[in-house]
PDB file of N, CA and C in Angstrom:
ATOM      1  N   MET A   1     201.020 210.291 -23.517  1.00  0.00           N
ATOM      2  CA  MET A   1     199.637 210.580 -23.134  1.00  0.00           C
ATOM      3  C   MET A   1     199.520 210.848 -22.226  1.00  0.00           C
ATOM      4  N   ALA A   2     198.637 212.130 -21.583  1.00  0.00           N
ATOM      5  CA  ALA A   2     199.118 212.511 -20.025  1.00  0.00           C
ATOM      6  C   ALA A   2     198.135 211.843 -19.419  1.00  0.00           C
ATOM      7  N   ALA A   3     199.257 211.497 -18.119  1.00  0.00           N
ATOM      8  CA  ALA A   3     197.979 211.124 -17.148  1.00  0.00           C
ATOM      9  C   ALA A   3     197.412 212.108 -15.870  1.00  0.00           C
ATOM     10  N   LYS A   4     196.125 211.291 -15.796  1.00  0.00           N
ATOM     11  CA  LYS A   4     195.083 212.020 -15.002  1.00  0.00           C
ATOM     12  C   LYS A   4     195.720 212.280 -13.669  1.00  0.00           C
ATOM     13  N   SER A   5     194.691 213.682 -12.657  1.00  0.00           N
ATOM     14  CA  SER A   5     195.394 214.100 -11.313  1.00  0.00           C
ATOM     15  C   SER A   5     194.918 213.048 -10.567  1.00  0.00           C
ATOM     16  N   THR A   6     195.318 213.293  -9.230  1.00  0.00           N
ATOM     17  CA  THR A   6     194.744 212.480  -8.216  1.00  0.00           C
ATOM     18  C   THR A   6     193.609 212.432  -7.827  1.00  0.00           C
ATOM     19  N   LYS A   7     192.849 211.331  -7.525  1.00  0.00           N
ATOM     20  CA  LYS A   7     191.428 211.773  -6.956  1.00  0.00           C
ATOM     21  C   LYS A   7     191.756 211.994  -5.374  1.00  0.00           C
ATOM     22  N   LYS A   8     190.887 211.970  -4.595  1.00  0.00           N
ATOM     23  CA  LYS A   8     190.811 212.671  -3.433  1.00  0.00           C
ATOM     24  C   LYS A   8     191.654 211.874  -2.343  1.00  0.00           C
ATOM     25  N   ASN A   9     190.816 210.405  -2.713  1.00  0.00           N
ATOM     26  CA  ASN A   9     191.176 209.100  -1.866  1.00  0.00           C
ATOM     27  C   ASN A   9     192.730 209.125  -2.159  1.00  0.00           C
ATOM     28  N   THR A  10     193.198 208.840  -3.681  1.00  0.00           N
ATOM     29  CA  THR A  10     194.650 208.434  -3.926  1.00  0.00           C
ATOM     30  C   THR A  10     195.891 208.923  -2.665  1.00  0.00           C
ATOM     31  N   SER A  11     196.699 208.321  -2.157  1.00  0.00           N
ATOM     32  CA  SER A  11     197.784 208.632  -1.584  1.00  0.00           C
ATOM     33  C   SER A  11     199.016 209.619  -1.436  1.00  0.00           C
ATOM     34  N   PHE A  12     199.060 209.660  -0.843  1.00  0.00           N
ATOM     35  CA  PHE A  12     200.379 211.134  -1.346  1.00  0.00           C
ATOM     36  C   PHE A  12     201.243 210.251  -2.457  1.00  0.00           C
ATOM     37  N   GLU A  13     201.730 209.282  -1.565  1.00  0.00           N
ATOM     38  CA  GLU A  13     203.106 208.685  -1.826  1.00  0.00           C
ATOM     39  C   GLU A  13     202.485 208.318  -3.985  1.00  0.00           C
ATOM     40  N   ALA A  14     201.445 207.766  -3.907  1.00  0.00           N
ATOM     41  CA  ALA A  14     201.023 207.163  -5.409  1.00  0.00           C
ATOM     42  C   ALA A  14     201.087 208.439  -6.415  1.00  0.00           C
ATOM     43  N   GLY A  15     200.799 209.713  -5.411  1.00  0.00           N
ATOM     44  CA  GLY A  15     200.548 210.872  -6.581  1.00  0.00           C
ATOM     45  C   GLY A  15     201.557 211.131  -7.029  1.00  0.00           C
ATOM     46  N   LEU A  16     202.722 211.225  -5.710  1.00  0.00           N
ATOM     47  CA  LEU A  16     204.109 211.432  -5.753  1.00  0.00           C
ATOM     48  C   LEU A  16     204.444 210.751  -7.131  1.00  0.00           C
ATOM     49  N   GLU A  17     204.144 209.836  -7.291  1.00  0.00           N
ATOM     50  CA  GLU A  17     204.463 208.522  -7.903  1.00  0.00           C
ATOM     51  C   GLU A  17     204.479 208.725  -9.553  1.00  0.00           C
ATOM     52  N   THR A  18     203.014 209.076  -9.875  1.00  0.00           N
ATOM     53  CA  THR A  18     202.226 209.594 -11.074  1.00  0.00           C
ATOM     54  C   THR A  18     203.240 211.087 -11.423  1.00  0.00           C
ATOM     55  N   LEU A  19     203.478 212.014 -10.178  1.00  0.00           N
ATOM     56  CA  LEU A  19     204.239 212.783 -11.183  1.00  0.00           C
ATOM     57  C   LEU A  19     205.530 213.082 -11.428  1.00  0.00           C
ATOM     58  N   GLU A  20     206.548 211.828 -10.633  1.00  0.00           N
ATOM     59  CA  GLU A  20     207.802 211.386 -11.396  1.00  0.00           C
ATOM     60  C   GLU A  20     207.333 210.684 -12.629  1.00  0.00           C
ATOM     61  N   LYS A  21     206.701 209.833 -13.542  1.00  0.00           N
ATOM     62  CA  LYS A  21     206.474 209.596 -14.038  1.00  0.00           C
ATOM     63  C   LYS A  21     206.306 210.277 -15.545  1.00  0.00           C
ATOM     64  N   MET A  22     205.065 211.541 -14.873  1.00  0.00           N
ATOM     65  CA  MET A  22     204.580 212.414 -15.716  1.00  0.00           C
ATOM     66  C   MET A  22     206.195 213.252 -16.311  1.00  0.00           C
ATOM     67  N   ALA A  23     207.258 213.627 -15.195  1.00  0.00           N
ATOM     68  CA  ALA A  23     208.346 214.308 -15.613  1.00  0.00           C
ATOM     69  C   ALA A  23     209.123 213.567 -16.174  1.00  0.00           C
ATOM     70  N   GLN A  24     209.021 212.211 -15.868  1.00  0.00           N
ATOM     71  CA  GLN A  24     209.912 211.792 -16.878  1.00  0.00           C
ATOM     72  C   GLN A  24     209.590 211.000 -18.621  1.00  0.00           C
ATOM     73  N   GLN A  25     208.083 211.075 -18.767  1.00  0.00           N
ATOM     74  CA  GLN A  25     207.576 211.717 -20.167  1.00  0.00           C
ATOM     75  C   GLN A  25     207.772 212.290 -20.609  1.00  0.00           C
ATOM     76  N   MET A  26     208.180 213.933 -19.900  1.00  0.00           N
ATOM     77  CA  MET A  26     208.218 214.874 -20.691  1.00  0.00           C
ATOM     78  C   MET A  26     209.831 215.172 -20.699  1.00  0.00           C
ATOM     79  N   GLU A  27     210.762 214.494 -20.415  1.00  0.00           N
ATOM     80  CA  GLU A  27     211.808 214.775 -20.473  1.00  0.00           C
ATOM     81  C   GLU A  27     212.739 213.392 -21.233  1.00  0.00           C
ATOM     82  N   ASN A  28     211.764 212.750 -21.735  1.00  0.00           N
ATOM     83  CA  ASN A  28     212.064 211.403 -22.398  1.00  0.00           C
ATOM     84  C   ASN A  28     211.617 211.286 -23.885  1.00  0.00           C
ATOM     85  N   ALA A  29     210.749 211.803 -24.062  1.00  0.00           N
ATOM     86  CA  ALA A  29     210.111 211.582 -25.160  1.00  0.00           C
ATOM     87  C   ALA A  29     210.276 212.680 -26.258  1.00  0.00           C
ATOM     88  N   ASP A  30     209.473 212.488 -27.140  1.00  0.00           N
ATOM     89  CA  ASP A  30     209.680 213.765 -28.605  1.00  0.00           C
ATOM     90  C   ASP A  30     208.191 214.384 -28.501  1.00  0.00           C
ATOM     91  N   LEU A  31     207.483 214.729 -27.402  1.00  0.00           N
ATOM     92  CA  LEU A  31     206.298 214.926 -27.248  1.00  0.00           C
ATOM     93  C   LEU A  31     205.894 215.812 -28.057  1.00  0.00           C
ATOM     94  N   PRO A  32     204.479 216.026 -29.044  1.00  0.00           N
ATOM     95  CA  PRO A  32     203.827 217.477 -29.834  1.00  0.00           C
ATOM     96  C   PRO A  32     203.595 218.413 -28.631  1.00  0.00           C
ATOM     97  N   LEU A  33     204.407 219.811 -29.048  1.00  0.00           N
ATOM     98  CA  LEU A  33     203.552 220.802 -28.385  1.00  0.00           C
ATOM     99  C   LEU A  33     202.662 220.734 -27.315  1.00  0.00           C
ATOM    100  N   ASP A  34     200.971 220.811 -27.903  1.00  0.00           N
ATOM    101  CA  ASP A  34     200.384 220.466 -26.927  1.00  0.00           C
ATOM    102  C   ASP A  34     200.131 219.377 -25.874  1.00  0.00           C
ATOM    103  N   GLU A  35     201.050 217.872 -25.904  1.00  0.00           N
ATOM    104  CA  GLU A  35     200.627 216.953 -25.642  1.00  0.00           C
ATOM    105  C   GLU A  35     201.773 217.024 -24.580  1.00  0.00           C
ATOM    106  N   LEU A  36     202.750 217.727 -24.753  1.00  0.00           N
ATOM    107  CA  LEU A  36     203.516 218.279 -23.324  1.00  0.00           C
ATOM    108  C   LEU A  36     203.470 219.192 -22.745  1.00  0.00           C
ATOM    109  N   MET A  37     202.361 220.427 -23.156  1.00  0.00           N
ATOM    110  CA  MET A  37     201.740 221.677 -22.168  1.00  0.00           C
ATOM    111  C   MET A  37     200.602 220.776 -21.418  1.00  0.00           C
ATOM    112  N   LYS A  38     200.056 219.647 -21.955  1.00  0.00           N
ATOM    113  CA  LYS A  38     198.874 218.781 -21.411  1.00  0.00           C
ATOM    114  C   LYS A  38     199.510 218.578 -19.918  1.00  0.00           C
ATOM    115  N   LEU A  39     200.781 217.793 -20.392  1.00  0.00           N
ATOM    116  CA  LEU A  39     201.275 217.081 -18.714  1.00  0.00           C
ATOM    117  C   LEU A  39     202.095 218.052 -18.295  1.00  0.00           C
ATOM    118  N   TYR A  40     202.245 219.016 -18.693  1.00  0.00           N
ATOM    119  CA  TYR A  40     203.057 219.920 -17.661  1.00  0.00           C
ATOM    120  C   TYR A  40     201.450 220.475 -17.264  1.00  0.00           C
ATOM    121  N   GLU A  41     200.643 221.002 -17.498  1.00  0.00           N
ATOM    122  CA  GLU A  41     199.237 221.277 -16.724  1.00  0.00           C
ATOM    123  C   GLU A  41     198.984 220.504 -15.763  1.00  0.00           C
ATOM    124  N   ASP A  42     198.904 219.431 -16.578  1.00  0.00           N
ATOM    125  CA  ASP A  42     198.372 218.111 -15.747  1.00  0.00           C
ATOM    126  C   ASP A  42     199.306 218.065 -14.553  1.00  0.00           C
ATOM    127  N   GLY A  43     200.306 218.061 -14.712  1.00  0.00           N
ATOM    128  CA  GLY A  43     201.677 218.020 -13.470  1.00  0.00           C
ATOM    129  C   GLY A  43     201.710 219.064 -12.635  1.00  0.00           C
ATOM    130  N   MET A  44     201.033 219.952 -12.915  1.00  0.00           N
ATOM    131  CA  MET A  44     201.057 221.442 -12.007  1.00  0.00           C
ATOM    132  C   MET A  44     199.989 221.155 -11.316  1.00  0.00           C
ATOM    133  N   ALA A  45     198.661 220.601 -11.462  1.00  0.00           N
ATOM    134  CA  ALA A  45     197.826 220.654 -11.094  1.00  0.00           C
ATOM    135  C   ALA A  45     197.697 219.495 -10.250  1.00  0.00           C
ATOM    136  N   LEU A  46     198.527 218.223 -10.412  1.00  0.00           N
ATOM    137  CA  LEU A  46     199.074 217.023  -9.328  1.00  0.00           C
ATOM    138  C   LEU A  46     199.934 218.020  -8.117  1.00  0.00           C
ATOM    139  N   THR A  47     200.794 218.491  -8.553  1.00  0.00           N
ATOM    140  CA  THR A  47     201.738 219.211  -7.939  1.00  0.00           C
ATOM    141  C   THR A  47     200.576 220.226  -6.486  1.00  0.00           C
ATOM    142  N   ARG A  48     199.787 220.457  -6.741  1.00  0.00           N
ATOM    143  CA  ARG A  48     199.068 221.483  -6.219  1.00  0.00           C
ATOM    144  C   ARG A  48     198.352 221.071  -4.913  1.00  0.00           C
ATOM    145  N   GLU A  49     197.784 219.455  -5.713  1.00  0.00           N
ATOM    146  CA  GLU A  49     197.084 218.289  -4.705  1.00  0.00           C
ATOM    147  C   GLU A  49     198.043 218.165  -3.727  1.00  0.00           C
ATOM    148  N   LEU A  50     199.050 217.993  -4.230  1.00  0.00           N
ATOM    149  CA  LEU A  50     200.360 217.353  -3.418  1.00  0.00           C
ATOM    150  C   LEU A  50     200.523 217.924  -2.922  1.00  0.00           C
ATOM    151  N   GLU A  51     200.980 218.936  -2.784  1.00  0.00           N
ATOM    152  CA  GLU A  51     201.096 220.595  -1.645  1.00  0.00           C
ATOM    153  C   GLU A  51     200.181 220.539  -0.625  1.00  0.00           C
ATOM    154  N   ALA A  52     199.049 220.118  -0.867  1.00  0.00           N
ATOM    155  CA  ALA A  52     197.875 221.056  -0.220  1.00  0.00           C
ATOM    156  C   ALA A  52     197.619 219.026   1.149  1.00  0.00           C
ATOM    157  N   LYS A  53     198.111 218.053   0.514  1.00  0.00           N
ATOM    158  CA  LYS A  53     197.731 216.824   1.021  1.00  0.00           C
ATOM    159  C   LYS A  53     198.546 217.349   2.306  1.00  0.00           C
ATOM    160  N   LEU A  54     200.128 217.992   1.872  1.00  0.00           N
ATOM    161  CA  LEU A  54     200.793 217.348   2.390  1.00  0.00           C
ATOM    162  C   LEU A  54     200.815 218.587   3.479  1.00  0.00           C
ATOM    163  N   SER A  55     200.450 219.968   3.476  1.00  0.00           N
ATOM    164  CA  SER A  55     200.187 220.943   4.208  1.00  0.00           C
ATOM    165  C   SER A  55     199.496 220.499   5.378  1.00  0.00           C
ATOM    166  N   ALA A  56     198.345 219.667   4.742  1.00  0.00           N
ATOM    167  CA  ALA A  56     197.167 219.394   5.902  1.00  0.00           C
ATOM    168  C   ALA A  56     197.484 218.371   6.988  1.00  0.00           C
ATOM    169  N   ALA A  57     198.602 217.249   6.489  1.00  0.00           N
ATOM    170  CA  ALA A  57     199.454 216.543   6.733  1.00  0.00           C
ATOM    171  C   ALA A  57     200.105 217.315   7.931  1.00  0.00           C
ATOM    172  N   LYS A  58     200.712 217.855   7.969  1.00  0.00           N
ATOM    173  CA  LYS A  58     201.715 219.411   8.710  1.00  0.00           C
ATOM    174  C   LYS A  58     201.027 219.737   9.674  1.00  0.00           C
ATOM    175  N   GLY A  59     200.018 220.353   9.316  1.00  0.00           N
ATOM    176  CA  GLY A  59     199.090 221.212  10.781  1.00  0.00           C
ATOM    177  C   GLY A  59     197.923 220.080  11.405  1.00  0.00           C
ATOM    178  N   ARG A  60     198.369 218.917  11.246  1.00  0.00           N
ATOM    179  CA  ARG A  60     197.723 217.440  11.747  1.00  0.00           C
ATOM    180  C   ARG A  60     198.456 217.297  12.901  1.00  0.00           C
ATOM    181  N   MET A  61     200.056 217.270  12.751  1.00  0.00           N
ATOM    182  CA  MET A  61     201.039 217.137  13.986  1.00  0.00           C
ATOM    183  C   MET A  61     201.449 217.980  14.949  1.00  0.00           C
ATOM    184  N   LEU A  62     201.315 217.334  15.819  1.00  0.00           N
ATOM    185  CA  LEU A  62     201.154 217.871  16.997  1.00  0.00           C
ATOM    186  C   LEU A  62     202.644 217.255  17.817  1.00  0.00           C
ATOM    187  N   GLU A  63     202.773 217.734  19.527  1.00  0.00           N
ATOM    188  CA  GLU A  63     204.121 217.972  19.368  1.00  0.00           C
ATOM    189  C   GLU A  63     204.250 217.957  20.947  1.00  0.00           C
ATOM    190  N   ILE A  64     204.470 216.648  21.934  1.00  0.00           N
ATOM    191  CA  ILE A  64     204.273 217.026  23.126  1.00  0.00           C
ATOM    192  C   ILE A  64     205.799 217.693  23.861  1.00  0.00           C
ATOM    193  N   GLN A  65     205.126 219.003  24.683  1.00  0.00           N
ATOM    194  CA  GLN A  65     206.853 219.669  25.403  1.00  0.00           C
ATOM    195  C   GLN A  65     205.701 219.970  26.793  1.00  0.00           C
ATOM    196  N   LYS A  66     206.974 219.811  27.296  1.00  0.00           N
ATOM    197  CA  LYS A  66     206.869 220.350  28.859  1.00  0.00           C
ATOM    198  C   LYS A  66     206.056 221.661  29.111  1.00  0.00           C
ATOM    199  N   GLY A  67     204.840 222.510  29.639  1.00  0.00           N
ATOM    200  CA  GLY A  67     204.483 223.985  29.955  1.00  0.00           C
ATOM    201  C   GLY A  67     204.855 223.955  31.044  1.00  0.00           C
ATOM    202  N   GLU A  68     205.027 225.156  31.664  1.00  0.00           N
ATOM    203  CA  GLU A  68     205.159 226.192  32.720  1.00  0.00           C
ATOM    204  C   GLU A  68     204.895 225.355  33.774  1.00  0.00           C
ATOM    205  N   ASP A  69     204.268 224.772  34.147  1.00  0.00           N
ATOM    206  CA  ASP A  69     203.748 224.125  34.932  1.00  0.00           C
ATOM    207  C   ASP A  69     204.711 222.268  35.154  1.00  0.00           C
ATOM    208  N   GLY A  70     204.924 222.108  34.103  1.00  0.00           N
ATOM    209  CA  GLY A  70     206.285 220.788  34.110  1.00  0.00           C
ATOM    210  C   GLY A  70     205.160 219.290  33.615  1.00  0.00           C
ATOM    211  N   LYS A  71     203.676 219.918  33.141  1.00  0.00           N
ATOM    212  CA  LYS A  71     203.335 218.687  33.036  1.00  0.00           C
ATOM    213  C   LYS A  71     202.829 219.362  31.122  1.00  0.00           C
ATOM    214  N   PRO A  72     203.116 217.716  30.943  1.00  0.00           N
ATOM    215  CA  PRO A  72     202.991 217.641  28.942  1.00  0.00           C
ATOM    216  C   PRO A  72     201.569 218.714  29.162  1.00  0.00           C
ATOM    217  N   VAL A  73     202.334 219.546  27.606  1.00  0.00           N
ATOM    218  CA  VAL A  73     201.499 220.142  26.304  1.00  0.00           C
ATOM    219  C   VAL A  73     201.087 219.951  25.201  1.00  0.00           C
ATOM    220  N   ALA A  74     200.305 219.541  24.118  1.00  0.00           N
ATOM    221  CA  ALA A  74     200.034 219.377  22.652  1.00  0.00           C
ATOM    222  C   ALA A  74     200.139 220.692  22.250  1.00  0.00           C
ATOM    223  N   VAL A  75     201.063 221.177  21.655  1.00  0.00           N
ATOM    224  CA  VAL A  75     201.573 221.723  20.682  1.00  0.00           C
ATOM    225  C   VAL A  75     201.684 221.811  19.327  1.00  0.00           C
ATOM    226  N   PRO A  76     201.326 222.831  18.501  1.00  0.00           N
ATOM    227  CA  PRO A  76     201.397 222.208  16.848  1.00  0.00           C
ATOM    228  C   PRO A  76     203.097 222.366  16.694  1.00  0.00           C
ATOM    229  N   CYS A  77     203.444 221.434  16.137  1.00  0.00           N
ATOM    230  CA  CYS A  77     204.631 220.850  15.854  1.00  0.00           C
ATOM    231  C   CYS A  77     205.882 221.899  14.517  1.00  0.00           C
ATOM    232  N   GLN A  78     206.470 221.952  14.939  1.00  0.00           N
ATOM    233  CA  GLN A  78     207.346 222.629  13.999  1.00  0.00           C
ATOM    234  C   GLN A  78     208.769 221.258  13.094  1.00  0.00           C
ATOM    235  N   VAL A  79     207.791 220.976  11.868  1.00  0.00           N
ATOM    236  CA  VAL A  79     208.724 219.869  11.688  1.00  0.00           C
ATOM    237  C   VAL A  79     210.424 220.205  11.729  1.00  0.00           C
ATOM    238  N   GLU A  80     210.894 221.233  10.896  1.00  0.00           N
ATOM    239  CA  GLU A  80     212.574 221.383  10.895  1.00  0.00           C
ATOM    240  C   GLU A  80     212.667 220.965  12.041  1.00  0.00           C
ATOM    241  N   GLN A  81     212.208 221.872  13.529  1.00  0.00           N
ATOM    242  CA  GLN A  81     212.879 221.891  14.836  1.00  0.00           C
ATOM    243  C   GLN A  81     211.980 221.230  15.766  1.00  0.00           C
ATOM    244  N   GLN A  82     211.913 220.027  15.436  1.00  0.00           N
ATOM    245  CA  GLN A  82     211.186 219.333  16.405  1.00  0.00           C
ATOM    246  C   GLN A  82     211.857 219.077  17.710  1.00  0.00           C
ATOM    247  N   LEU A  83     211.062 219.195  19.156  1.00  0.00           N
ATOM    248  CA  LEU A  83     212.027 219.421  20.528  1.00  0.00           C
ATOM    249  C   LEU A  83     210.705 218.274  20.608  1.00  0.00           C
ATOM    250  N   THR A  84     211.103 217.043  21.660  1.00  0.00           N
ATOM    251  CA  THR A  84     210.442 216.704  22.356  1.00  0.00           C
ATOM    252  C   THR A  84     210.554 216.036  23.915  1.00  0.00           C
ATOM    253  N   LEU A  85     209.581 215.497  24.440  1.00  0.00           N
ATOM    254  CA  LEU A  85     209.865 215.175  25.524  1.00  0.00           C
ATOM    255  C   LEU A  85     210.933 214.382  25.808  1.00  0.00           C
ATOM    256  N   ILE A  86     211.099 213.614  24.769  1.00  0.00           N
ATOM    257  CA  ILE A  86     212.621 212.154  24.843  1.00  0.00           C
ATOM    258  C   ILE A  86     213.915 212.866  25.154  1.00  0.00           C
ATOM    259  N   GLN A  87     213.778 214.019  23.474  1.00  0.00           N
ATOM    260  CA  GLN A  87     215.432 214.855  23.739  1.00  0.00           C
ATOM    261  C   GLN A  87     215.191 215.325  24.976  1.00  0.00           C
ATOM    262  N   GLU A  88     214.953 216.012  25.473  1.00  0.00           N
ATOM    263  CA  GLU A  88     214.178 217.024  26.939  1.00  0.00           C
ATOM    264  C   GLU A  88     215.008 215.947  27.718  1.00  0.00           C
ATOM    265  N   ASP A  89     214.561 214.446  28.362  1.00  0.00           N
ATOM    266  CA  ASP A  89     214.822 213.971  28.966  1.00  0.00           C
ATOM    267  C   ASP A  89     215.870 213.163  29.000  1.00  0.00           C
ATOM    268  N   ASP A  90     217.046 213.020  27.682  1.00  0.00           N
ATOM    269  CA  ASP A  90     218.384 212.986  27.357  1.00  0.00           C
ATOM    270  C   ASP A  90     219.281 213.689  27.167  1.00  0.00           C
ATOM    271  N   GLU A  91     218.750 215.022  27.399  1.00  0.00           N
ATOM    272  CA  GLU A  91     219.679 215.837  27.873  1.00  0.00           C
ATOM    273  C   GLU A  91     219.844 216.157  29.784  1.00  0.00           C
ATOM    274  N   GLU A  92     219.107 215.578  30.578  1.00  0.00           N
ATOM    275  CA  GLU A  92     218.616 215.764  31.811  1.00  0.00           C
ATOM    276  C   GLU A  92     220.257 214.846  32.335  1.00  0.00           C
TER     277      GLU A  92
END
């Protein structure tokens, strides 16, 4: 049986767990093609929802860096290359 897509208030983690269960069902069961396709479509819809939540979370992240005047400034965070005041202070 196909799992339902997440609701707006469902956590990212719960959605990810649901997606993992759907993938296991698809891998481990001899499902009729119609049910397999329904699981696939529901999984793709859930994937889009989770990607949107992840993107929104990344967009809310700010990082504090030293500005040109030496004062702290909040700037959008580059998760892959995070620079923080703590790391800069450790280097000094």
